Amino acid sequence: MNTAKEHIDFLVIGGGIAGVSAAYHLAEHGSVTVLEMEKLCGHHSTGRSAAIFSEHHGPKIICDLALASKSFFEKPYEGFTESPFLSERGLIFTGDNTQKESLENMLASSREGDGSLTKIAPEKIKELVPIINTDAISYGVYYKGAREIDVHAVHQGWIKGLKKRGGNIQTSQDLQSATFSDGLWHVKTRKDKFTARYIINASGAWADVIADRCGIQKIGLVPKKRTVITVPIEQSYDDYHWPMVVFSDNKLYFKSENGAIMASPMDETIVDPMDAWADDMDMAVTADLVEKRTTLSVSRLTNYWAGLRSFVFDDVPVVGPAPENENFIWLAGQGGYGIKTCDSLGRITAALTLGKDLPQDIQDLGITKQDLGAARCFQK
């Protein structure tokens, strides 16, 4: 049990990829303990991600934050991993004639420093992804440089790095209440008590719940459930490592996985924070979309699950001190992009916790503290 005489500098709530990446960067500046409510870290969103590294997918600020994390993924910190975090995948954005404007805008938005985007015809998409139904598409935008992220390896890398820096992770520790007095947080879980200078709220879909238990104003976080199914590919192909395919109407994405495809209808069902599960109707909708947009016939599923993605009103992450208490730090609202932005958001969290400016590479991308700060959620 932690005592007031031995307070922690940084108490991080949440052992997903957001929490442990921030904890790693903070551990360079003081003592860190991560509290995870589940028995294992990464049980929720981190463990249910279909993460692809691309600087072209998501709102502009997400693309910028991914670009700022790129060097980490390409060259991880010392001791993080013995194998690469990234592997070749590729990414194709496509759709029918109604999505032409969206695809053209994507082509026009490519910036220096990003991987190049190229226009690709339906027959070429068919060469790269043999199961695509060319009747369902007009043309596509191909990003050959998109890569698969080994999410488990990245998450474990942060954990190893954190422990090497002296950080501590405690599981089955659900924060119940916290009060702030004399410059310190006094925290109670179901099992223990902790005293800390700072609370870093990286609790994913539960971030507003944690804020409320700490007496901090909520940011209006909205958890949204997303469904995923895996469907076997009955035919034999030489290479299942096709590019991931994302339909620009935001109704389907899929990628190959060991003789199957993993597919999602990109649903965003608003739910309370929960251990998400796949609904029968959502799975049926996904299977129907797969049959219409590929040449596959879905007779059975090999797996299915659901995960939560959390958003605030403008779909921009909330990072930095709470307006009413600079010792309560937000790290929330990543909107499903927390994997590919983990290093940049971890570095930003550490800087803002310590009262420093944003890292220079983040500033160079035009991102400001105000862009990420919680105050904007109360001024909308």
Protein backbone atom coordinates (compact mmCIF):
# COMPACT_ATOMS: atom_id res chain seq x y z
CA MET A 1 0.00 0.00 0.00
CA ASN A 2 1.21 3.49 -0.88
CA THR A 3 1.51 6.00 1.99
CA ALA A 4 1.53 9.79 2.20
CA LYS A 5 5.18 9.68 3.21
CA GLU A 6 6.09 7.94 -0.03
CA HIS A 7 3.90 9.64 -2.58
CA ILE A 8 4.07 8.89 -6.29
CA ASP A 9 4.95 11.66 -8.70
CA PHE A 10 2.74 10.45 -11.57
CA LEU A 11 -0.26 8.14 -11.10
CA VAL A 12 -1.48 6.99 -14.51
CA ILE A 13 -5.02 5.63 -14.71
CA GLY A 14 -5.26 3.06 -17.49
CA GLY A 15 -2.82 0.43 -18.73
CA GLY A 16 -3.72 0.58 -22.42
CA ILE A 17 -1.27 1.87 -24.98
CA ALA A 18 -2.06 5.51 -24.17
CA GLY A 19 -1.39 5.09 -20.46
CA VAL A 20 1.82 3.08 -20.71
CA SER A 21 3.32 5.31 -23.44
CA ALA A 22 2.70 8.42 -21.33
CA ALA A 23 4.01 6.61 -18.26
CA TYR A 24 7.22 5.68 -20.09
CA HIS A 25 7.95 9.30 -21.01
CA LEU A 26 7.04 10.54 -17.52
CA ALA A 27 9.25 7.94 -15.82
CA GLU A 28 12.28 9.91 -16.98
CA HIS A 29 11.17 12.70 -14.64
CA GLY A 30 9.93 10.96 -11.50
CA SER A 31 8.22 7.94 -9.97
CA VAL A 32 5.35 6.43 -11.95
CA THR A 33 2.62 3.95 -11.10
CA VAL A 34 0.04 2.75 -13.60
CA LEU A 35 -3.32 1.58 -12.25
CA GLU A 36 -5.26 -0.79 -14.52
CA MET A 37 -8.77 -1.86 -13.51
CA GLU A 38 -8.63 -5.18 -15.39
CA LYS A 39 -6.50 -8.22 -14.60
CA LEU A 40 -4.40 -7.57 -17.71
CA CYS A 41 -3.33 -4.33 -19.37
CA GLY A 42 -4.74 -3.66 -22.84
CA HIS A 43 -7.92 -5.68 -22.35
CA HIS A 44 -10.23 -3.17 -24.03
CA SER A 45 -9.46 -0.91 -27.05
CA THR A 46 -5.72 -1.67 -27.27
CA GLY A 47 -6.31 -5.40 -27.44
CA ARG A 48 -9.05 -5.11 -30.09
CA SER A 49 -7.40 -2.89 -32.67
CA ALA A 50 -6.95 -3.47 -36.40
CA ALA A 51 -4.20 -0.88 -36.40
CA ILE A 52 -2.56 0.16 -39.64
CA PHE A 53 0.13 2.81 -39.71
CA SER A 54 -0.86 5.45 -42.22
CA GLU A 55 -0.36 9.21 -42.22
CA HIS A 56 -3.42 9.58 -44.46
CA HIS A 57 -6.29 8.09 -42.47
CA GLY A 58 -8.29 10.25 -40.05
CA PRO A 59 -8.71 13.96 -39.28
CA LYS A 60 -5.78 16.22 -40.17
CA ILE A 61 -4.53 16.52 -36.59
CA ILE A 62 -4.53 12.71 -36.29
CA CYS A 63 -2.50 12.45 -39.50
CA ASP A 64 -0.06 15.00 -38.06
CA LEU A 65 0.24 13.12 -34.78
CA ALA A 66 0.80 9.86 -36.68
CA LEU A 67 3.52 11.53 -38.74
CA ALA A 68 5.16 12.67 -35.48
CA SER A 69 5.08 9.06 -34.22
CA LYS A 70 6.48 7.58 -37.43
CA SER A 71 10.14 7.57 -36.38
CA PHE A 72 9.24 5.66 -33.20
CA PHE A 73 7.54 2.89 -35.16
CA GLU A 74 10.35 2.70 -37.69
CA LYS A 75 13.10 2.79 -35.06
CA PRO A 76 11.73 1.86 -31.61
CA TYR A 77 13.45 2.99 -28.44
CA GLU A 78 16.35 0.84 -27.25
CA GLY A 79 15.29 -2.42 -25.64
CA PHE A 80 11.66 -2.21 -26.77
CA THR A 81 11.64 -5.07 -29.24
CA GLU A 82 13.79 -7.64 -31.01
CA SER A 83 11.63 -7.60 -34.15
CA PRO A 84 10.17 -4.71 -36.19
CA PHE A 85 6.92 -3.11 -35.11
CA LEU A 86 5.86 -2.56 -38.72
CA SER A 87 5.43 -4.92 -41.66
CA GLU A 88 4.40 -4.30 -45.25
CA ARG A 89 0.69 -4.07 -45.88
CA GLY A 90 -0.49 -1.21 -48.12
CA LEU A 91 -3.83 0.57 -47.97
CA ILE A 92 -6.45 1.17 -50.63
CA PHE A 93 -9.26 3.71 -50.23
CA THR A 94 -12.02 3.04 -52.71
CA GLY A 95 -15.72 3.40 -53.43
CA ASP A 96 -18.34 3.80 -56.10
CA ASN A 97 -19.09 6.92 -58.15
CA THR A 98 -20.67 8.67 -55.16
CA GLN A 99 -17.31 8.69 -53.36
CA LYS A 100 -15.25 10.24 -56.17
CA GLU A 101 -15.09 13.66 -54.50
CA SER A 102 -13.84 12.17 -51.23
CA LEU A 103 -11.12 10.21 -53.05
CA GLU A 104 -10.07 13.25 -55.09
CA ASN A 105 -9.78 15.33 -51.91
CA MET A 106 -7.58 12.65 -50.38
CA LEU A 107 -5.26 12.72 -53.38
CA ALA A 108 -5.05 16.51 -53.20
CA SER A 109 -4.23 16.52 -49.47
CA SER A 110 -0.94 14.60 -49.70
CA ARG A 111 1.89 16.60 -48.09
CA GLU A 112 5.65 16.52 -48.17
CA GLY A 113 6.88 14.00 -45.62
CA ASP A 114 3.93 11.67 -46.11
CA GLY A 115 4.16 8.59 -48.26
CA SER A 116 2.90 9.20 -51.79
CA LEU A 117 -0.70 8.49 -52.74
CA THR A 118 -1.50 7.22 -56.21
CA LYS A 119 -4.71 6.82 -58.16
CA ILE A 120 -5.45 3.19 -58.93
CA ALA A 121 -7.92 1.64 -61.39
CA PRO A 122 -10.41 -1.11 -60.44
CA GLU A 123 -8.57 -3.75 -62.45
CA LYS A 124 -5.32 -2.93 -60.62
CA ILE A 125 -7.13 -3.15 -57.27
CA LYS A 126 -8.35 -6.57 -58.39
CA GLU A 127 -4.75 -7.63 -59.03
CA LEU A 128 -3.73 -6.56 -55.52
CA VAL A 129 -6.88 -7.83 -53.77
CA PRO A 130 -8.36 -10.67 -55.86
CA ILE A 131 -11.59 -10.91 -53.86
CA ILE A 132 -12.69 -7.31 -54.51
CA ASN A 133 -15.98 -6.90 -56.37
CA THR A 134 -15.08 -4.41 -59.11
CA ASP A 135 -18.79 -3.69 -59.71
CA ALA A 136 -18.86 -2.00 -56.30
CA ILE A 137 -16.01 0.44 -57.01
CA SER A 138 -15.09 3.17 -59.50
CA TYR A 139 -11.42 3.66 -58.68
CA GLY A 140 -9.17 3.87 -55.65
CA VAL A 141 -6.37 5.73 -53.92
CA TYR A 142 -3.42 3.51 -53.07
CA TYR A 143 -0.93 4.14 -50.28
CA LYS A 144 1.75 1.51 -50.73
CA GLY A 145 3.63 2.76 -47.65
CA ALA A 146 0.89 1.89 -45.16
CA ARG A 147 2.10 -0.81 -42.79
CA GLU A 148 0.72 -3.32 -40.35
CA ILE A 149 1.36 -2.53 -36.68
CA ASP A 150 2.18 -5.36 -34.29
CA VAL A 151 -0.02 -3.87 -31.57
CA HIS A 152 0.85 -6.45 -28.94
CA ALA A 153 4.58 -5.94 -29.48
CA VAL A 154 4.22 -2.15 -29.29
CA HIS A 155 2.18 -2.36 -26.09
CA GLN A 156 4.63 -4.76 -24.50
CA GLY A 157 7.53 -2.59 -25.64
CA TRP A 158 6.13 0.38 -23.73
CA ILE A 159 5.61 -1.81 -20.67
CA LYS A 160 9.17 -3.17 -20.81
CA GLY A 161 10.54 0.33 -21.29
CA LEU A 162 8.50 1.67 -18.40
CA LYS A 163 9.67 -1.06 -16.03
CA LYS A 164 13.26 -0.51 -17.11
CA ARG A 165 12.86 3.11 -16.06
CA GLY A 166 11.57 2.01 -12.66
CA GLY A 167 7.87 2.36 -13.36
CA ASN A 168 5.30 0.19 -11.62
CA ILE A 169 2.09 -1.35 -13.00
CA GLN A 170 -0.69 -2.57 -10.74
CA THR A 171 -3.64 -4.45 -12.20
CA SER A 172 -7.13 -5.03 -10.75
CA GLN A 173 -6.96 -1.49 -9.35
CA ASP A 174 -10.21 0.31 -10.10
CA LEU A 175 -10.10 3.95 -8.94
CA GLN A 176 -13.12 4.62 -6.73
CA SER A 177 -12.50 8.16 -5.52
CA ALA A 178 -9.84 10.85 -5.32
CA THR A 179 -9.51 14.15 -3.48
CA PHE A 180 -6.92 16.89 -3.90
CA SER A 181 -5.38 18.71 -0.94
CA ASP A 182 -2.04 20.28 -0.07
CA GLY A 183 -0.79 19.76 -3.61
CA LEU A 184 -1.42 16.02 -3.63
CA TRP A 185 -4.05 13.59 -4.89
CA HIS A 186 -5.36 11.09 -2.34
CA VAL A 187 -6.70 8.13 -4.30
CA LYS A 188 -8.74 5.12 -3.20
CA THR A 189 -9.19 1.93 -5.19
CA ARG A 190 -11.10 -1.17 -4.13
CA LYS A 191 -7.89 -2.57 -2.64
CA ASP A 192 -5.49 0.25 -1.78
CA LYS A 193 -4.80 3.91 -1.20
CA PHE A 194 -2.31 6.02 -3.16
CA THR A 195 -0.95 9.53 -2.86
CA ALA A 196 0.34 11.29 -5.94
CA ARG A 197 1.33 14.71 -7.26
CA TYR A 198 -0.38 14.17 -10.60
CA ILE A 199 -3.16 12.00 -11.96
CA ILE A 200 -2.91 11.22 -15.68
CA ASN A 201 -6.33 10.12 -16.89
CA ALA A 202 -5.68 7.64 -19.71
CA SER A 203 -8.64 5.40 -18.97
CA GLY A 204 -10.11 5.25 -22.47
CA ALA A 205 -13.90 5.03 -22.58
CA TRP A 206 -13.96 5.46 -18.78
CA ALA A 207 -12.11 8.83 -18.82
CA ASP A 208 -15.19 10.90 -17.91
CA VAL A 209 -16.10 8.38 -15.21
CA ILE A 210 -12.64 8.76 -13.68
CA ALA A 211 -12.83 12.56 -13.94
CA ASP A 212 -16.17 12.57 -12.11
CA ARG A 213 -14.74 10.40 -9.33
CA CYS A 214 -11.92 12.92 -8.98
CA GLY A 215 -14.26 15.93 -8.86
CA ILE A 216 -13.13 17.15 -12.29
CA GLN A 217 -15.50 18.51 -14.94
CA LYS A 218 -16.25 15.98 -17.69
CA ILE A 219 -15.24 16.62 -21.31
CA GLY A 220 -18.33 15.03 -22.85
CA LEU A 221 -16.59 11.84 -23.95
CA VAL A 222 -18.75 9.56 -26.12
CA PRO A 223 -17.76 5.86 -26.36
CA LYS A 224 -18.80 4.23 -29.64
CA LYS A 225 -18.87 0.51 -30.30
CA ARG A 226 -17.31 -0.97 -33.45
CA THR A 227 -17.95 -4.52 -34.68
CA VAL A 228 -15.40 -6.85 -36.27
CA ILE A 229 -15.87 -10.28 -37.83
CA THR A 230 -13.47 -12.69 -39.52
CA VAL A 231 -14.61 -14.64 -42.57
CA PRO A 232 -12.70 -17.59 -44.08
CA ILE A 233 -11.42 -17.37 -47.66
CA GLU A 234 -12.40 -20.74 -49.08
CA GLN A 235 -10.34 -20.41 -52.28
CA SER A 236 -6.57 -20.93 -52.29
CA TYR A 237 -4.38 -17.90 -52.98
CA ASP A 238 -0.61 -17.60 -53.04
CA ASP A 239 -0.47 -14.52 -50.83
CA TYR A 240 -3.00 -13.47 -48.23
CA HIS A 241 -1.06 -10.32 -47.29
CA TRP A 242 -3.12 -8.03 -49.49
CA PRO A 243 -3.47 -4.28 -48.89
CA MET A 244 -6.15 -3.28 -46.44
CA VAL A 245 -9.25 -1.93 -48.19
CA VAL A 246 -11.29 0.97 -46.78
CA PHE A 247 -14.50 2.07 -48.49
CA SER A 248 -14.81 5.84 -48.46
CA ASP A 249 -18.48 5.79 -47.51
CA ASN A 250 -17.28 4.56 -44.10
CA LYS A 251 -19.43 1.44 -44.26
CA LEU A 252 -16.77 -1.26 -44.59
CA TYR A 253 -13.10 -2.02 -44.24
CA PHE A 254 -11.38 -5.37 -44.51
CA LYS A 255 -7.91 -6.88 -44.53
CA SER A 256 -6.56 -10.39 -45.03
CA GLU A 257 -5.48 -12.46 -42.04
CA ASN A 258 -4.11 -16.00 -42.40
CA GLY A 259 -6.61 -17.38 -44.89
CA ALA A 260 -9.46 -15.15 -43.76
CA ILE A 261 -10.49 -11.53 -43.90
CA MET A 262 -11.13 -9.34 -40.90
CA ALA A 263 -13.99 -6.97 -41.69
CA SER A 264 -15.85 -4.17 -39.97
CA PRO A 265 -18.91 -2.12 -40.97
CA MET A 266 -17.20 0.86 -39.33
CA ASP A 267 -20.22 1.20 -37.05
CA GLU A 268 -20.27 3.83 -34.32
CA THR A 269 -22.99 2.76 -31.89
CA ILE A 270 -23.06 5.07 -28.87
CA VAL A 271 -22.80 3.06 -25.66
CA ASP A 272 -21.87 3.49 -22.02
CA PRO A 273 -18.32 2.44 -21.05
CA MET A 274 -18.45 -1.34 -21.17
CA ASP A 275 -16.69 -4.57 -22.05
CA ALA A 276 -17.92 -4.39 -25.64
CA TRP A 277 -19.54 -7.34 -27.38
CA ALA A 278 -20.59 -7.99 -30.99
CA ASP A 279 -24.33 -7.71 -31.63
CA ASP A 280 -25.95 -10.31 -33.93
CA MET A 281 -27.53 -7.66 -36.15
CA ASP A 282 -24.24 -5.77 -36.55
CA MET A 283 -22.49 -9.00 -37.51
CA ALA A 284 -25.22 -9.75 -40.06
CA VAL A 285 -24.86 -6.27 -41.57
CA THR A 286 -21.10 -6.78 -41.83
CA ALA A 287 -21.50 -10.16 -43.52
CA ASP A 288 -23.94 -8.66 -46.03
CA LEU A 289 -21.52 -5.84 -46.88
CA VAL A 290 -18.71 -8.36 -47.35
CA GLU A 291 -20.84 -10.36 -49.78
CA LYS A 292 -21.81 -7.25 -51.77
CA ARG A 293 -18.35 -5.71 -51.98
CA THR A 294 -16.23 -8.81 -52.38
CA THR A 295 -16.63 -12.11 -54.21
CA LEU A 296 -16.86 -14.04 -50.95
CA SER A 297 -19.91 -15.96 -49.82
CA VAL A 298 -20.21 -15.78 -46.03
CA SER A 299 -21.40 -19.14 -44.75
CA ARG A 300 -19.68 -18.99 -41.38
CA LEU A 301 -17.59 -16.76 -39.16
CA THR A 302 -14.28 -17.83 -37.67
CA ASN A 303 -14.29 -15.08 -35.04
CA TYR A 304 -16.06 -11.90 -34.00
CA TRP A 305 -15.70 -9.18 -31.40
CA ALA A 306 -16.31 -5.50 -30.70
CA GLY A 307 -14.25 -2.65 -29.31
CA LEU A 308 -14.81 0.90 -28.09
CA ARG A 309 -13.58 4.10 -29.71
CA SER A 310 -14.08 7.29 -27.71
CA PHE A 311 -14.65 10.82 -29.04
CA VAL A 312 -15.33 14.36 -27.91
CA PHE A 313 -17.41 16.82 -29.96
CA ASP A 314 -14.72 17.67 -32.54
CA ASP A 315 -13.03 14.21 -32.80
CA VAL A 316 -9.70 15.69 -31.61
CA PRO A 317 -7.85 14.08 -28.67
CA VAL A 318 -7.94 15.86 -25.32
CA VAL A 319 -4.46 16.13 -23.83
CA GLY A 320 -3.20 18.33 -21.02
CA PRO A 321 -4.16 19.77 -17.63
CA ALA A 322 -7.77 20.17 -16.56
CA PRO A 323 -8.66 23.89 -16.48
CA GLU A 324 -9.68 23.70 -12.81
CA ASN A 325 -6.70 21.64 -11.59
CA GLU A 326 -3.33 21.52 -13.36
CA ASN A 327 -2.44 18.37 -11.41
CA PHE A 328 -5.14 16.40 -13.25
CA ILE A 329 -3.95 15.57 -16.77
CA TRP A 330 -6.23 14.42 -19.59
CA LEU A 331 -5.17 11.87 -22.19
CA ALA A 332 -8.44 10.85 -23.82
CA GLY A 333 -10.62 10.95 -26.92
CA GLN A 334 -8.22 9.35 -29.41
CA GLY A 335 -11.18 8.17 -31.51
CA GLY A 336 -9.70 4.85 -32.52
CA TYR A 337 -6.33 6.28 -33.56
CA GLY A 338 -4.52 5.82 -30.25
CA ILE A 339 -2.14 3.14 -31.52
CA LYS A 340 -0.56 5.02 -34.39
CA THR A 341 -0.33 8.26 -32.37
CA CYS A 342 0.91 6.71 -29.11
CA ASP A 343 4.45 8.10 -29.14
CA SER A 344 3.57 11.68 -30.04
CA LEU A 345 0.66 11.78 -27.59
CA GLY A 346 2.84 10.21 -24.88
CA ARG A 347 5.51 12.86 -25.40
CA ILE A 348 2.90 15.63 -25.46
CA THR A 349 1.35 14.35 -22.23
CA ALA A 350 4.72 14.32 -20.47
CA ALA A 351 5.57 17.82 -21.66
CA LEU A 352 2.25 19.34 -20.62
CA THR A 353 2.27 17.54 -17.26
CA LEU A 354 5.66 19.08 -16.55
CA GLY A 355 4.50 22.54 -17.66
CA LYS A 356 6.74 22.57 -20.73
CA ASP A 357 6.11 23.57 -24.33
CA LEU A 358 5.02 20.96 -26.83
CA PRO A 359 7.90 18.96 -28.37
CA GLN A 360 9.43 20.92 -31.24
CA ASP A 361 8.46 18.43 -33.93
CA ILE A 362 4.84 18.74 -32.79
CA GLN A 363 5.02 22.53 -32.92
CA ASP A 364 6.52 22.33 -36.41
CA LEU A 365 3.34 20.58 -37.56
CA GLY A 366 1.30 23.56 -36.39
CA ILE A 367 -0.28 21.85 -33.37
CA THR A 368 -0.81 24.02 -30.28
CA LYS A 369 -1.72 23.38 -26.66
CA GLN A 370 -5.10 24.99 -27.32
CA ASP A 371 -5.82 22.50 -30.11
CA LEU A 372 -5.58 19.64 -27.62
CA GLY A 373 -6.60 21.27 -24.34
CA ALA A 374 -9.70 20.27 -22.38
CA ALA A 375 -10.96 23.87 -22.19
CA ARG A 376 -12.20 23.75 -25.78
CA CYS A 377 -14.71 21.08 -24.74
CA PHE A 378 -16.38 23.57 -22.37
CA GLN A 379 -16.38 26.46 -24.87
CA LYS A 380 -18.02 24.72 -27.83
